Protein backbone atom coordinates (compact mmCIF):
# COMPACT_ATOMS: atom_id res chain seq x y z
CA UNK A 1 29.38 4.85 -9.77
CA UNK A 2 26.63 6.92 -8.27
CA UNK A 3 27.22 7.69 -4.10
CA UNK A 4 24.53 8.89 -1.90
CA UNK A 5 25.52 12.27 -0.02
CA UNK A 6 26.21 10.65 3.43
CA UNK A 7 24.30 13.57 4.87
CA UNK A 8 20.79 12.77 3.28
CA UNK A 9 18.28 11.00 5.79
CA UNK A 10 18.05 7.97 4.03
CA UNK A 11 15.88 6.68 6.48
CA UNK A 12 13.37 9.16 5.76
CA UNK A 13 12.32 8.04 2.44
CA UNK A 14 11.24 4.70 3.68
CA UNK A 15 8.08 6.84 5.39
CA UNK A 16 6.98 8.33 2.32
CA UNK A 17 3.82 7.30 0.83
CA UNK A 18 4.97 7.12 -2.20
CA UNK A 19 8.72 6.12 -2.23
CA UNK A 20 9.15 5.89 -5.73
CA UNK A 21 9.69 9.38 -5.80
CA UNK A 22 12.36 9.60 -3.87
CA UNK A 23 13.90 6.53 -5.53
CA UNK A 24 13.65 7.77 -9.15
CA UNK A 25 15.94 10.54 -7.84
CA UNK A 26 18.79 7.98 -7.52
CA UNK A 27 20.67 6.25 -10.04
CA UNK A 28 19.43 2.20 -10.40
CA UNK A 29 22.40 1.12 -8.28
CA UNK A 30 23.57 3.80 -5.60
CA UNK A 31 26.53 3.02 -3.02
CA UNK A 32 25.14 4.37 0.60
CA UNK A 33 28.04 5.44 2.76
CA UNK A 34 25.34 6.18 5.78
CA UNK A 35 23.83 2.69 5.53
CA UNK A 36 27.09 0.67 4.29
CA UNK A 37 25.48 -1.00 1.28
CA UNK A 38 24.48 -0.60 -2.02
CA UNK A 39 20.64 0.82 -3.14
CA UNK A 40 19.01 -0.97 -5.70
CA UNK A 41 15.68 1.13 -6.40
CA UNK A 42 15.00 0.36 -9.96
CA UNK A 43 12.42 -2.33 -10.68
CA UNK A 44 14.34 -3.47 -13.72
CA UNK A 45 17.73 -3.61 -11.65
CA UNK A 46 15.96 -5.34 -8.80
CA UNK A 47 14.39 -8.04 -11.32
CA UNK A 48 18.10 -8.66 -13.12
CA UNK A 49 20.06 -8.83 -9.93
CA UNK A 50 17.50 -11.19 -7.94
CA UNK A 51 17.38 -13.42 -10.88
CA UNK A 52 20.78 -13.57 -12.22
CA UNK A 53 23.03 -13.59 -9.04
CA UNK A 54 23.34 -15.91 -6.28
CA UNK A 55 22.42 -13.92 -3.11
CA UNK A 56 21.94 -14.99 0.17
CA UNK A 57 19.89 -13.16 3.35
CA UNK A 58 21.56 -11.43 6.20
CA UNK A 59 22.21 -14.73 8.71
CA UNK A 60 21.18 -12.62 12.09
CA UNK A 61 22.12 -15.45 14.05
CA UNK A 62 25.88 -14.71 13.04
CA UNK A 63 25.16 -10.71 12.92
CA UNK A 64 23.67 -11.09 16.45
CA UNK A 65 26.98 -13.18 17.69
CA UNK A 66 29.40 -10.40 16.51
CA UNK A 67 27.28 -7.97 17.83
CA UNK A 68 26.96 -9.82 21.48
CA UNK A 69 31.20 -10.61 21.18
CA UNK A 70 31.94 -6.38 20.54
CA UNK A 71 30.09 -5.16 23.06
CA UNK A 72 30.41 -7.82 25.83
CA UNK A 73 27.00 -9.05 26.20
CA UNK A 74 25.02 -12.52 25.98
CA UNK A 75 21.69 -12.82 23.84
CA UNK A 76 18.64 -10.45 24.79
CA UNK A 77 14.98 -10.90 24.62
CA UNK A 78 15.05 -8.95 21.12
CA UNK A 79 17.78 -11.57 19.91
CA UNK A 80 15.36 -14.65 20.83
CA UNK A 81 12.57 -12.98 19.09
CA UNK A 82 15.16 -12.12 15.74
CA UNK A 83 16.42 -16.06 15.85
CA UNK A 84 13.11 -17.13 16.03
CA UNK A 85 12.15 -15.95 12.61
CA UNK A 86 12.67 -17.33 9.04
CA UNK A 87 13.09 -14.09 7.52
CA UNK A 88 16.66 -13.54 9.17
CA UNK A 89 18.01 -17.28 8.81
CA UNK A 90 19.95 -19.31 6.30
CA UNK A 91 21.23 -22.92 6.04
CA UNK A 92 19.09 -25.91 8.10
CA UNK A 93 17.92 -23.19 11.01
CA UNK A 94 15.86 -21.37 8.29
CA UNK A 95 14.69 -24.71 6.89
CA UNK A 96 13.41 -25.86 10.11
CA UNK A 97 11.65 -22.48 10.73
CA UNK A 98 9.86 -22.20 7.37
CA UNK A 99 8.87 -25.80 7.40
CA UNK A 100 6.77 -25.01 11.32
CA UNK A 101 5.34 -22.14 9.55
CA UNK A 102 4.28 -24.06 6.41
CA UNK A 103 2.79 -26.67 8.92
CA UNK A 104 0.80 -24.32 10.96
CA UNK A 105 -0.48 -22.41 7.81
CA UNK A 106 -1.71 -26.13 6.09
CA UNK A 107 -3.34 -26.80 9.91
CA UNK A 108 -4.59 -23.55 10.89
CA UNK A 109 -4.79 -21.31 7.79
CA UNK A 110 -8.60 -21.80 6.88
CA UNK A 111 -9.94 -21.50 10.16
CA UNK A 112 -7.67 -18.44 10.43
CA UNK A 113 -9.14 -16.75 7.48
CA UNK A 114 -12.68 -18.07 8.52
CA UNK A 115 -12.28 -15.86 11.45
CA UNK A 116 -11.16 -13.05 9.52
CA UNK A 117 -14.25 -12.77 7.24
CA UNK A 118 -16.38 -13.00 10.35
CA UNK A 119 -14.35 -10.08 11.63
CA UNK A 120 -14.78 -8.38 8.24
CA UNK A 121 -18.26 -9.00 7.60
CA UNK A 122 -19.63 -7.80 11.27
CA UNK A 123 -17.10 -4.75 11.27
CA UNK A 124 -18.26 -3.40 7.71
CA UNK A 125 -22.14 -3.94 8.58
CA UNK A 126 -21.77 -1.59 12.14
CA UNK A 127 -18.75 0.97 11.37
CA UNK A 128 -20.83 3.01 8.40
CA UNK A 129 -24.15 2.59 10.00
CA UNK A 130 -22.43 4.62 12.54
CA UNK A 131 -20.36 6.93 10.86
CA UNK A 132 -19.98 8.62 7.52
CA UNK A 133 -16.10 9.12 8.37
CA UNK A 134 -14.42 5.25 9.36
CA UNK A 135 -10.63 4.65 10.08
CA UNK A 136 -10.12 1.64 8.06
CA UNK A 137 -7.32 0.80 9.87
CA UNK A 138 -7.95 0.96 13.54
CA UNK A 139 -12.31 -0.06 13.03
CA UNK A 140 -11.89 -2.68 10.43
CA UNK A 141 -8.66 -4.33 9.18
CA UNK A 142 -6.38 -4.45 12.83
CA UNK A 143 -9.56 -6.36 14.53
CA UNK A 144 -9.97 -8.55 11.32
CA UNK A 145 -6.04 -9.29 11.33
CA UNK A 146 -6.03 -9.82 14.49
CA UNK A 147 -8.78 -12.65 14.77
CA UNK A 148 -6.53 -14.16 11.98
CA UNK A 149 -3.60 -13.81 13.91
CA UNK A 150 -4.95 -15.31 17.03
CA UNK A 151 -6.56 -18.32 15.47
CA UNK A 152 -3.15 -19.10 13.45
CA UNK A 153 -0.30 -18.56 15.94
CA UNK A 154 -2.23 -18.18 19.43
CA UNK A 155 -0.14 -15.81 20.49
CA UNK A 156 0.31 -14.32 24.26
CA UNK A 157 -2.48 -11.56 25.51
CA UNK A 158 -0.82 -7.90 24.39
CA UNK A 159 1.49 -9.51 21.81
CA UNK A 160 0.08 -7.41 19.11
CA UNK A 161 -0.04 -4.74 20.31
CA UNK A 162 3.67 -4.96 20.65
CA UNK A 163 4.11 -5.93 17.25
CA UNK A 164 5.22 -2.95 15.33
CA UNK A 165 7.59 -2.31 18.58
CA UNK A 166 8.93 -5.61 18.11
CA UNK A 167 9.24 -5.40 14.53
CA UNK A 168 11.77 -2.34 14.83
CA UNK A 169 14.44 -4.67 15.93
CA UNK A 170 15.53 -5.00 12.15
CA UNK A 171 16.33 -1.79 11.94
CA UNK A 172 20.27 -2.17 11.52
CA UNK A 173 20.54 1.92 12.99
CA UNK A 174 18.93 2.00 16.30
CA UNK A 175 19.70 4.01 18.71
CA UNK A 176 20.51 2.72 22.31
CA UNK A 177 17.26 4.46 23.64
CA UNK A 178 15.63 2.55 20.93
CA UNK A 179 17.15 -0.81 21.45
CA UNK A 180 16.05 -0.60 25.30
CA UNK A 181 12.25 0.36 24.49
CA UNK A 182 12.36 -2.86 22.21
CA UNK A 183 14.04 -4.62 24.35
CA UNK A 184 11.56 -4.30 27.43
CA UNK A 185 8.67 -4.88 24.72
CA UNK A 186 10.26 -8.23 23.86
CA UNK A 187 10.93 -9.21 27.59
CA UNK A 188 7.66 -10.49 28.52
CA UNK A 189 7.05 -12.45 25.24
CA UNK A 190 10.23 -13.94 24.46
CA UNK A 191 12.43 -15.68 27.02
CA UNK A 192 16.11 -16.16 27.06
CA UNK A 193 17.72 -19.16 25.95
CA UNK A 194 14.26 -21.74 26.78
CA UNK A 195 15.29 -24.94 27.58
CA UNK A 196 11.86 -26.83 27.37
CA UNK A 197 9.70 -28.03 24.30
CA UNK A 198 6.85 -25.30 25.79
CA UNK A 199 8.96 -22.55 25.91
CA UNK A 200 10.51 -23.06 22.42
CA UNK A 201 6.42 -23.42 21.16
CA UNK A 202 5.52 -20.31 22.66
CA UNK A 203 8.50 -18.45 21.59
CA UNK A 204 7.89 -19.39 17.69
CA UNK A 205 3.82 -18.63 17.89
CA UNK A 206 4.67 -15.46 19.56
CA UNK A 207 7.45 -14.44 16.46
CA UNK A 208 5.09 -15.66 14.09
CA UNK A 209 2.36 -13.80 15.38
CA UNK A 210 4.37 -10.49 15.47
CA UNK A 211 5.43 -10.98 11.68
CA UNK A 212 1.70 -11.85 10.55
CA UNK A 213 -0.10 -9.03 12.25
CA UNK A 214 2.03 -6.29 10.84
CA UNK A 215 2.58 -7.34 7.49
CA UNK A 216 -0.60 -7.88 6.84
CA UNK A 217 -2.34 -4.70 8.22
CA UNK A 218 0.09 -3.01 6.15
CA UNK A 219 -0.05 -4.57 2.93
CA UNK A 220 -3.97 -4.84 2.95
CA UNK A 221 -4.46 -1.10 4.34
CA UNK A 222 -1.61 0.58 1.65
CA UNK A 223 -3.69 -1.68 -1.02
CA UNK A 224 -6.37 0.09 -0.16
CA UNK A 225 -5.53 3.74 0.05
CA UNK A 226 -3.65 3.30 -3.57
CA UNK A 227 -7.22 1.63 -5.03
CA UNK A 228 -9.35 4.64 -3.25
CA UNK A 229 -7.28 7.43 -4.52
CA UNK A 230 -8.52 6.58 -8.08
CA UNK A 231 -11.89 6.20 -7.07
CA UNK A 232 -12.84 9.10 -5.29
CA UNK A 233 -16.58 9.97 -6.22
CA UNK A 234 -17.46 6.78 -7.30
CA UNK A 235 -19.96 3.95 -5.34
CA UNK A 236 -18.05 1.41 -3.69
CA UNK A 237 -20.14 -1.56 -5.18
CA UNK A 238 -19.18 -0.19 -8.81
CA UNK A 239 -15.22 -0.19 -8.28
CA UNK A 240 -13.73 -2.18 -10.39
CA UNK A 241 -12.33 -4.67 -7.46
CA UNK A 242 -10.36 -6.89 -9.64
CA UNK A 243 -7.72 -4.08 -9.96
CA UNK A 244 -7.30 -3.65 -6.22
CA UNK A 245 -4.36 -5.29 -4.85
CA UNK A 246 -2.11 -6.12 -2.18
CA UNK A 247 0.86 -3.73 -1.63
CA UNK A 248 4.38 -4.07 -1.13
CA UNK A 249 4.82 -2.90 2.92
CA UNK A 250 8.47 -4.21 3.69
CA UNK A 251 10.00 -1.42 2.61
CA UNK A 252 13.22 -3.11 1.12
CA UNK A 253 15.49 -6.62 2.42
CA UNK A 254 19.10 -6.96 2.36
CA UNK A 255 20.58 -9.33 0.87
CA UNK A 256 24.77 -10.57 0.58
CA UNK A 257 26.35 -11.24 -3.02
CA UNK A 258 27.71 -14.26 -3.05
CA UNK A 259 29.55 -13.83 -6.62
CA UNK A 260 30.73 -10.37 -7.90
CA UNK A 261 27.43 -8.13 -9.26
CA UNK A 262 27.36 -6.68 -12.65
CA UNK A 263 24.90 -3.93 -13.38
CA UNK A 264 25.66 -1.51 -16.70
CA UNK A 265 28.87 0.18 -15.27
CA UNK A 266 28.49 -0.57 -11.63
CA UNK A 267 30.28 -3.71 -10.12
CA UNK A 268 29.76 -4.84 -6.44
CA UNK A 269 31.84 -7.04 -4.98
CA UNK A 270 31.39 -10.35 -3.37
CA UNK A 271 30.53 -10.36 0.05
CA UNK A 272 28.83 -6.78 -0.61
CA UNK A 273 25.71 -5.95 1.24
CA UNK A 274 22.80 -4.94 -1.49
CA UNK A 275 19.43 -3.21 -0.33
CA UNK A 276 16.72 -3.99 -2.90
CA UNK A 277 14.23 -0.94 -2.07
CA UNK A 278 10.93 -0.22 -3.83
CA UNK A 279 8.12 1.75 -3.76
CA UNK A 280 4.37 1.44 -2.28
CA UNK A 281 3.05 -0.60 -5.52
CA UNK A 282 1.18 -3.54 -6.67
CA UNK A 283 2.38 -6.48 -5.65
CA UNK A 284 1.62 -8.16 -8.80
CA UNK A 285 4.57 -5.99 -10.16
CA UNK A 286 6.88 -8.74 -10.68
CA UNK A 287 9.79 -7.02 -9.08
CA UNK A 288 7.70 -6.01 -6.00
CA UNK A 289 5.87 -9.43 -5.93
CA UNK A 290 9.66 -10.53 -5.64
CA UNK A 291 10.59 -8.02 -3.17
CA UNK A 292 7.69 -8.14 -1.05
CA UNK A 293 7.51 -12.11 -0.63
CA UNK A 294 10.77 -13.23 -1.48
CA UNK A 295 11.48 -16.03 -3.77
CA UNK A 296 13.26 -19.57 -4.00
CA UNK A 297 13.79 -21.40 -1.11
CA UNK A 298 12.84 -17.69 0.86
CA UNK A 299 9.41 -17.33 -0.92
CA UNK A 300 7.13 -16.41 2.16
CA UNK A 301 4.55 -19.22 3.11
CA UNK A 302 1.72 -16.63 4.19
CA UNK A 303 1.39 -14.81 0.69
CA UNK A 304 -1.33 -17.20 -0.36
CA UNK A 305 -3.43 -16.74 2.86
CA UNK A 306 -2.67 -12.91 2.95
CA UNK A 307 -3.89 -13.10 -0.75
CA UNK A 308 -6.87 -15.02 0.31
CA UNK A 309 -7.82 -12.52 2.89
CA UNK A 310 -7.55 -9.64 0.77
CA UNK A 311 -9.65 -11.46 -1.86
CA UNK A 312 -12.08 -11.44 1.02
CA UNK A 313 -11.87 -7.60 2.16
CA UNK A 314 -12.54 -6.89 -1.76
CA UNK A 315 -15.43 -9.23 -1.86
CA UNK A 316 -17.00 -7.36 1.24
CA UNK A 317 -16.51 -4.18 0.29
CA UNK A 318 -18.03 -4.59 -3.08
CA UNK A 319 -20.85 -5.01 -1.58
CA UNK A 320 -21.12 -1.53 0.11
CA UNK A 321 -23.86 0.51 -1.66
CA UNK A 322 -21.90 4.04 -0.65
CA UNK A 323 -20.02 6.63 -2.39
CA UNK A 324 -16.27 7.60 -1.68
CA UNK A 325 -15.87 11.74 -1.02
CA UNK A 326 -12.62 11.34 0.36
CA UNK A 327 -9.58 9.10 1.26
CA UNK A 328 -6.50 9.96 3.50
CA UNK A 329 -3.46 7.90 4.76
CA UNK A 330 -0.82 8.31 7.08
CA UNK A 331 2.00 6.52 8.55
CA UNK A 332 3.76 6.18 12.21
CA UNK A 333 7.06 7.85 12.36
CA UNK A 334 8.31 4.60 14.09
CA UNK A 335 8.17 2.98 10.25
CA UNK A 336 11.03 1.75 9.19
CA UNK A 337 11.34 -1.61 7.46
CA UNK A 338 7.40 -2.71 7.98
CA UNK A 339 5.67 0.11 6.56
CA UNK A 340 2.03 0.21 8.66
CA UNK A 341 -0.30 3.34 7.97
CA UNK A 342 -1.16 4.73 11.37
CA UNK A 343 -4.80 5.26 9.99
CA UNK A 344 -6.39 5.15 6.58
CA UNK A 345 -9.65 7.28 6.46
CA UNK A 346 -12.57 7.29 4.24
CA UNK A 347 -15.19 9.55 4.17
CA UNK A 348 -18.42 8.13 2.37
CA UNK A 349 -21.78 9.47 1.73
CA UNK A 350 -24.61 7.11 1.46
CA UNK A 351 -27.00 6.08 -1.23
């Protein structure tokens, strides 16, 4: 059995632009004492285990109940947010939340994609006229995704500005100071124990806005970076845009083994916690696609709208008669589960 030394900063590897390099130093399946779970980092192992064994997501409702009982506290604003996302639920609650998301996308998805397209077109027509160096995250992607989220979920004003902080609540290793920071961010948007339909609808819309915002910004930003690094020196309108694709922005997903899992000489007992990890990769890769968008009844309903929006990005970029001179990307130190670039700067020359 491979064991990762507990003094290694396993959280630090999630912020690496190419996590595959760090994961390549581990065995396909590694027990990590500091995380109290198994890390599965090899694409083949990920695919085999996810396809051949019965696994379930971590039920956040159960975990929060145990945590509240142990700490002698009641539900917090942060808990209200977590319990309002299908990502963290199982059973009937998951089905209900997922159905609500699917219905919202069916009703408002086309209008949200149209809003995204309009914003992309407006931004690209302006930013490169004003400067030869552009931060695609701040100047293009974020405004377009916000237009999409606003039309899709209609969240409270200021909610998306706090999205990255709120996403941090999925980190199971937070300090008390970090938890307080998240609680303060959640307080204005997620009331505790709402008892009227209007408040429940508001919570649902805000939770949907948080989840859609960071995952779209991250997957598009990293996807563009992965594509641009191999295209430096080329004209943007002559690049092979069919090769560009969304990237995995969720750095891992945790599952509970509902049966004994065997991979090679490694055995994971029933009830063991498994963390499927992956590098910043093209989601067309089967294992990464499974990781990013889930599978079966946990398949992310936002996968298709996200792909449609990225197709818009590719189409509009392919019209630019510019030459790519350089590209640079950096991540925020706050990134853990949802990895969102802090910036994606490109330098171009005209003509």
